[in-house]
Amino acid sequence: MNKKYIIFLPIILLIILTIYIFTRQSVSSPSTEPLVGNDADEHGCIGSAGYVWCEVLQKCLRPWEEPCYVEISDEQMIKDALIAKHDWSGENIKITIAKNDGQYATGGVGSETPEAGGGIWFAAKVDSAWQIVFNGNGIISCDDLIDYPDYPTELIPECYDSSTGKVQTR
């Protein structure tokens, strides 16, 4: 029986010593390696996880999972084009869209305050951006349509020809 203890005693001591050494090393020597995921930027985005700050959406996102842009409606783009054309403040501008086929559109523009009045507008999409062909009241000059020869005649069937002084059918 003593022989069994003599054989197992050194093995048990060796196991205890090994456990003691390894646990002491992990406690006594902290890792100098940077922790994965411990690289948050000033917005809290963790770059090592693929997150970047999206200023437009005001949040961290992974660009391959979610694009960093806001879809802008045709109505908003046309309103922005009108505001830019006339250098309006845009605070009280209201537009309506009567027809929009994706390439050409028409509607009305006015102020949210009824006493300000309004007018009609025609727009064409050029290189993914809406351009104002005409806006206002009255007859449309044929000169306004020179850059838009394919503007649908069902939307603008006539225009004023300043060289002849007459309204002409398109």
C-alpha atoms as a PDB file:
ATOM      1  CA  MET A   1       0.000   0.000   0.000  1.00  0.00           C
ATOM      2  CA  ASN A   2       2.877   2.341   0.714  1.00  0.00           C
ATOM      3  CA  LYS A   3       4.280   1.729  -2.732  1.00  0.00           C
ATOM      4  CA  LYS A   4       1.078   3.042  -4.298  1.00  0.00           C
ATOM      5  CA  TYR A   5       1.293   6.291  -2.309  1.00  0.00           C
ATOM      6  CA  ILE A   6       4.950   6.648  -3.169  1.00  0.00           C
ATOM      7  CA  ILE A   7       4.175   6.406  -6.876  1.00  0.00           C
ATOM      8  CA  PHE A   8       1.078   8.656  -6.830  1.00  0.00           C
ATOM      9  CA  LEU A   9       2.413  11.239  -4.387  1.00  0.00           C
ATOM     10  CA  PRO A  10       4.992  12.724  -6.805  1.00  0.00           C
ATOM     11  CA  ILE A  11       2.399  12.768  -9.601  1.00  0.00           C
ATOM     12  CA  ILE A  12      -0.147  14.585  -7.411  1.00  0.00           C
ATOM     13  CA  LEU A  13       2.518  17.065  -6.256  1.00  0.00           C
ATOM     14  CA  LEU A  14       3.533  17.681  -9.863  1.00  0.00           C
ATOM     15  CA  ILE A  15      -0.095  18.406 -10.852  1.00  0.00           C
ATOM     16  CA  ILE A  16      -0.575  20.773  -7.901  1.00  0.00           C
ATOM     17  CA  LEU A  17       2.702  22.548  -8.691  1.00  0.00           C
ATOM     18  CA  THR A  18       1.739  22.934 -12.377  1.00  0.00           C
ATOM     19  CA  ILE A  19      -1.667  24.382 -11.498  1.00  0.00           C
ATOM     20  CA  TYR A  20      -0.056  26.777  -9.028  1.00  0.00           C
ATOM     21  CA  ILE A  21       2.521  28.000 -11.575  1.00  0.00           C
ATOM     22  CA  PHE A  22      -0.011  28.584 -14.350  1.00  0.00           C
ATOM     23  CA  THR A  23      -2.547  30.349 -12.170  1.00  0.00           C
ATOM     24  CA  ARG A  24       0.169  32.524 -10.657  1.00  0.00           C
ATOM     25  CA  GLN A  25       1.481  33.542 -14.106  1.00  0.00           C
ATOM     26  CA  SER A  26      -1.922  34.553 -15.425  1.00  0.00           C
ATOM     27  CA  VAL A  27      -2.636  36.632 -12.316  1.00  0.00           C
ATOM     28  CA  SER A  28       0.781  38.215 -11.967  1.00  0.00           C
ATOM     29  CA  SER A  29       1.499  39.154 -15.592  1.00  0.00           C
ATOM     30  CA  PRO A  30      -1.255  41.213 -17.236  1.00  0.00           C
ATOM     31  CA  SER A  31      -1.426  40.998 -21.018  1.00  0.00           C
ATOM     32  CA  THR A  32       0.123  43.842 -23.000  1.00  0.00           C
ATOM     33  CA  GLU A  33      -1.896  42.880 -26.097  1.00  0.00           C
ATOM     34  CA  PRO A  34      -4.715  45.336 -26.927  1.00  0.00           C
ATOM     35  CA  LEU A  35      -8.153  43.890 -26.352  1.00  0.00           C
ATOM     36  CA  VAL A  36     -10.164  43.178 -29.512  1.00  0.00           C
ATOM     37  CA  GLY A  37     -13.137  45.551 -29.682  1.00  0.00           C
ATOM     38  CA  ASN A  38     -11.433  48.058 -27.392  1.00  0.00           C
ATOM     39  CA  ASP A  39     -10.974  50.626 -30.171  1.00  0.00           C
ATOM     40  CA  ALA A  40     -14.074  52.813 -29.945  1.00  0.00           C
ATOM     41  CA  ASP A  41     -13.697  56.182 -31.670  1.00  0.00           C
ATOM     42  CA  GLU A  42     -15.035  59.525 -30.455  1.00  0.00           C
ATOM     43  CA  HIS A  43     -18.574  58.480 -31.461  1.00  0.00           C
ATOM     44  CA  GLY A  44     -18.361  55.070 -29.799  1.00  0.00           C
ATOM     45  CA  CYS A  45     -17.968  53.194 -33.112  1.00  0.00           C
ATOM     46  CA  ILE A  46     -15.830  50.064 -32.851  1.00  0.00           C
ATOM     47  CA  GLY A  47     -13.597  50.030 -35.923  1.00  0.00           C
ATOM     48  CA  SER A  48     -12.255  46.507 -35.419  1.00  0.00           C
ATOM     49  CA  ALA A  49     -15.846  45.271 -35.673  1.00  0.00           C
ATOM     50  CA  GLY A  50     -16.334  47.216 -38.923  1.00  0.00           C
ATOM     51  CA  TYR A  51     -18.364  50.084 -37.504  1.00  0.00           C
ATOM     52  CA  VAL A  52     -17.887  53.629 -38.812  1.00  0.00           C
ATOM     53  CA  TRP A  53     -19.668  56.854 -37.941  1.00  0.00           C
ATOM     54  CA  CYS A  54     -22.352  57.978 -40.408  1.00  0.00           C
ATOM     55  CA  GLU A  55     -22.831  61.721 -40.081  1.00  0.00           C
ATOM     56  CA  VAL A  56     -26.033  61.742 -42.168  1.00  0.00           C
ATOM     57  CA  LEU A  57     -27.809  59.145 -40.019  1.00  0.00           C
ATOM     58  CA  GLN A  58     -26.018  60.147 -36.798  1.00  0.00           C
ATOM     59  CA  LYS A  59     -25.101  56.590 -35.833  1.00  0.00           C
ATOM     60  CA  CYS A  60     -22.471  53.871 -36.069  1.00  0.00           C
ATOM     61  CA  LEU A  61     -23.028  51.389 -38.862  1.00  0.00           C
ATOM     62  CA  ARG A  62     -21.311  48.798 -41.036  1.00  0.00           C
ATOM     63  CA  PRO A  63     -21.335  50.207 -44.600  1.00  0.00           C
ATOM     64  CA  TRP A  64     -21.763  46.782 -46.207  1.00  0.00           C
ATOM     65  CA  GLU A  65     -24.876  46.148 -44.100  1.00  0.00           C
ATOM     66  CA  GLU A  66     -26.521  49.572 -44.212  1.00  0.00           C
ATOM     67  CA  PRO A  67     -25.803  52.467 -46.574  1.00  0.00           C
ATOM     68  CA  CYS A  68     -24.924  55.855 -45.108  1.00  0.00           C
ATOM     69  CA  TYR A  69     -27.462  58.050 -46.864  1.00  0.00           C
ATOM     70  CA  VAL A  70     -31.038  59.132 -46.605  1.00  0.00           C
ATOM     71  CA  GLU A  71     -33.390  58.505 -49.494  1.00  0.00           C
ATOM     72  CA  ILE A  72     -34.752  61.857 -50.622  1.00  0.00           C
ATOM     73  CA  SER A  73     -38.195  61.874 -52.192  1.00  0.00           C
ATOM     74  CA  ASP A  74     -38.886  63.455 -55.575  1.00  0.00           C
ATOM     75  CA  GLU A  75     -41.109  65.959 -53.784  1.00  0.00           C
ATOM     76  CA  GLN A  76     -38.226  67.061 -51.556  1.00  0.00           C
ATOM     77  CA  MET A  77     -35.761  67.211 -54.469  1.00  0.00           C
ATOM     78  CA  ILE A  78     -38.163  69.336 -56.542  1.00  0.00           C
ATOM     79  CA  LYS A  79     -38.824  71.600 -53.567  1.00  0.00           C
ATOM     80  CA  ASP A  80     -35.043  71.964 -53.050  1.00  0.00           C
ATOM     81  CA  ALA A  81     -34.598  72.797 -56.766  1.00  0.00           C
ATOM     82  CA  LEU A  82     -37.256  75.528 -56.538  1.00  0.00           C
ATOM     83  CA  ILE A  83     -35.683  76.950 -53.388  1.00  0.00           C
ATOM     84  CA  ALA A  84     -32.224  76.960 -54.990  1.00  0.00           C
ATOM     85  CA  LYS A  85     -33.475  78.539 -58.248  1.00  0.00           C
ATOM     86  CA  HIS A  86     -35.106  81.455 -56.436  1.00  0.00           C
ATOM     87  CA  ASP A  87     -32.897  81.649 -53.350  1.00  0.00           C
ATOM     88  CA  TRP A  88     -35.965  81.191 -51.154  1.00  0.00           C
ATOM     89  CA  SER A  89     -35.625  80.468 -47.465  1.00  0.00           C
ATOM     90  CA  GLY A  90     -37.751  77.347 -47.841  1.00  0.00           C
ATOM     91  CA  GLU A  91     -39.361  77.625 -44.435  1.00  0.00           C
ATOM     92  CA  ASN A  92     -42.939  78.091 -45.641  1.00  0.00           C
ATOM     93  CA  ILE A  93     -42.727  76.632 -49.146  1.00  0.00           C
ATOM     94  CA  LYS A  94     -45.260  73.956 -49.982  1.00  0.00           C
ATOM     95  CA  ILE A  95     -45.384  72.009 -53.220  1.00  0.00           C
ATOM     96  CA  THR A  96     -47.908  69.624 -54.667  1.00  0.00           C
ATOM     97  CA  ILE A  97     -47.246  67.105 -57.420  1.00  0.00           C
ATOM     98  CA  ALA A  98     -50.020  66.684 -59.986  1.00  0.00           C
ATOM     99  CA  LYS A  99     -48.116  64.291 -62.257  1.00  0.00           C
ATOM    100  CA  ASN A 100     -44.741  62.566 -62.013  1.00  0.00           C
ATOM    101  CA  ASP A 101     -43.602  59.863 -64.434  1.00  0.00           C
ATOM    102  CA  GLY A 102     -40.125  59.646 -62.896  1.00  0.00           C
ATOM    103  CA  GLN A 103     -38.537  61.766 -65.646  1.00  0.00           C
ATOM    104  CA  TYR A 104     -40.937  64.711 -65.938  1.00  0.00           C
ATOM    105  CA  ALA A 105     -43.204  66.235 -63.328  1.00  0.00           C
ATOM    106  CA  THR A 106     -45.620  69.090 -62.823  1.00  0.00           C
ATOM    107  CA  GLY A 107     -47.432  70.564 -59.875  1.00  0.00           C
ATOM    108  CA  GLY A 108     -48.017  73.659 -57.823  1.00  0.00           C
ATOM    109  CA  VAL A 109     -45.902  75.738 -55.480  1.00  0.00           C
ATOM    110  CA  GLY A 110     -47.011  78.163 -52.845  1.00  0.00           C
ATOM    111  CA  SER A 111     -46.579  79.291 -49.319  1.00  0.00           C
ATOM    112  CA  GLU A 112     -48.075  77.580 -46.307  1.00  0.00           C
ATOM    113  CA  THR A 113     -49.639  80.950 -45.525  1.00  0.00           C
ATOM    114  CA  PRO A 114     -52.631  81.303 -47.903  1.00  0.00           C
ATOM    115  CA  GLU A 115     -52.248  85.052 -48.488  1.00  0.00           C
ATOM    116  CA  ALA A 116     -48.924  84.543 -50.304  1.00  0.00           C
ATOM    117  CA  GLY A 117     -50.412  82.927 -53.429  1.00  0.00           C
ATOM    118  CA  GLY A 118     -48.675  80.386 -55.626  1.00  0.00           C
ATOM    119  CA  GLY A 119     -47.974  79.157 -59.115  1.00  0.00           C
ATOM    120  CA  ILE A 120     -47.342  76.172 -61.312  1.00  0.00           C
ATOM    121  CA  TRP A 121     -44.038  74.412 -61.905  1.00  0.00           C
ATOM    122  CA  PHE A 122     -42.647  71.970 -64.451  1.00  0.00           C
ATOM    123  CA  ALA A 123     -39.516  69.929 -63.795  1.00  0.00           C
ATOM    124  CA  ALA A 124     -37.298  67.423 -65.611  1.00  0.00           C
ATOM    125  CA  LYS A 125     -34.929  64.892 -64.081  1.00  0.00           C
ATOM    126  CA  VAL A 126     -31.409  65.323 -65.460  1.00  0.00           C
ATOM    127  CA  ASP A 127     -28.581  63.085 -64.192  1.00  0.00           C
ATOM    128  CA  SER A 128     -30.677  61.965 -61.178  1.00  0.00           C
ATOM    129  CA  ALA A 129     -31.424  65.564 -60.146  1.00  0.00           C
ATOM    130  CA  TRP A 130     -34.610  67.536 -60.727  1.00  0.00           C
ATOM    131  CA  GLN A 131     -34.236  70.729 -62.799  1.00  0.00           C
ATOM    132  CA  ILE A 132     -36.949  73.373 -62.856  1.00  0.00           C
ATOM    133  CA  VAL A 133     -38.067  73.938 -66.450  1.00  0.00           C
ATOM    134  CA  PHE A 134     -40.600  76.661 -65.578  1.00  0.00           C
ATOM    135  CA  ASN A 135     -42.427  77.976 -62.581  1.00  0.00           C
ATOM    136  CA  GLY A 136     -44.757  80.869 -62.106  1.00  0.00           C
ATOM    137  CA  ASN A 137     -48.084  82.026 -63.519  1.00  0.00           C
ATOM    138  CA  GLY A 138     -49.019  82.634 -67.110  1.00  0.00           C
ATOM    139  CA  ILE A 139     -47.875  81.215 -70.386  1.00  0.00           C
ATOM    140  CA  ILE A 140     -44.661  79.272 -70.717  1.00  0.00           C
ATOM    141  CA  SER A 141     -42.060  80.687 -73.087  1.00  0.00           C
ATOM    142  CA  CYS A 142     -40.762  78.316 -75.767  1.00  0.00           C
ATOM    143  CA  ASP A 143     -37.282  79.543 -74.758  1.00  0.00           C
ATOM    144  CA  ASP A 144     -37.785  77.794 -71.385  1.00  0.00           C
ATOM    145  CA  LEU A 145     -38.140  74.487 -73.246  1.00  0.00           C
ATOM    146  CA  ILE A 146     -35.059  74.696 -75.503  1.00  0.00           C
ATOM    147  CA  ASP A 147     -32.963  72.558 -73.121  1.00  0.00           C
ATOM    148  CA  TYR A 148     -35.849  70.060 -72.751  1.00  0.00           C
ATOM    149  CA  PRO A 149     -36.985  69.164 -76.296  1.00  0.00           C
ATOM    150  CA  ASP A 150     -38.462  65.842 -75.099  1.00  0.00           C
ATOM    151  CA  TYR A 151     -40.635  67.410 -72.416  1.00  0.00           C
ATOM    152  CA  PRO A 152     -44.035  65.716 -72.875  1.00  0.00           C
ATOM    153  CA  THR A 153     -46.481  67.727 -74.939  1.00  0.00           C
ATOM    154  CA  GLU A 154     -49.352  66.388 -72.830  1.00  0.00           C
ATOM    155  CA  LEU A 155     -47.861  68.324 -69.892  1.00  0.00           C
ATOM    156  CA  ILE A 156     -46.958  71.452 -71.871  1.00  0.00           C
ATOM    157  CA  PRO A 157     -48.995  71.444 -75.091  1.00  0.00           C
ATOM    158  CA  GLU A 158     -48.312  75.103 -76.004  1.00  0.00           C
ATOM    159  CA  CYS A 159     -45.673  77.755 -75.459  1.00  0.00           C
ATOM    160  CA  TYR A 160     -45.201  81.413 -76.290  1.00  0.00           C
ATOM    161  CA  ASP A 161     -42.804  82.046 -79.168  1.00  0.00           C
ATOM    162  CA  SER A 162     -41.156  85.407 -78.465  1.00  0.00           C
ATOM    163  CA  SER A 163     -39.798  85.688 -82.051  1.00  0.00           C
ATOM    164  CA  THR A 164     -43.319  85.595 -83.563  1.00  0.00           C
ATOM    165  CA  GLY A 165     -45.202  86.966 -80.581  1.00  0.00           C
ATOM    166  CA  LYS A 166     -47.668  84.074 -80.813  1.00  0.00           C
ATOM    167  CA  VAL A 167     -48.609  80.993 -78.845  1.00  0.00           C
ATOM    168  CA  GLN A 168     -47.607  77.881 -80.717  1.00  0.00           C
ATOM    169  CA  THR A 169     -48.608  74.256 -80.373  1.00  0.00           C
ATOM    170  CA  ARG A 170     -45.668  72.014 -79.553  1.00  0.00           C
END
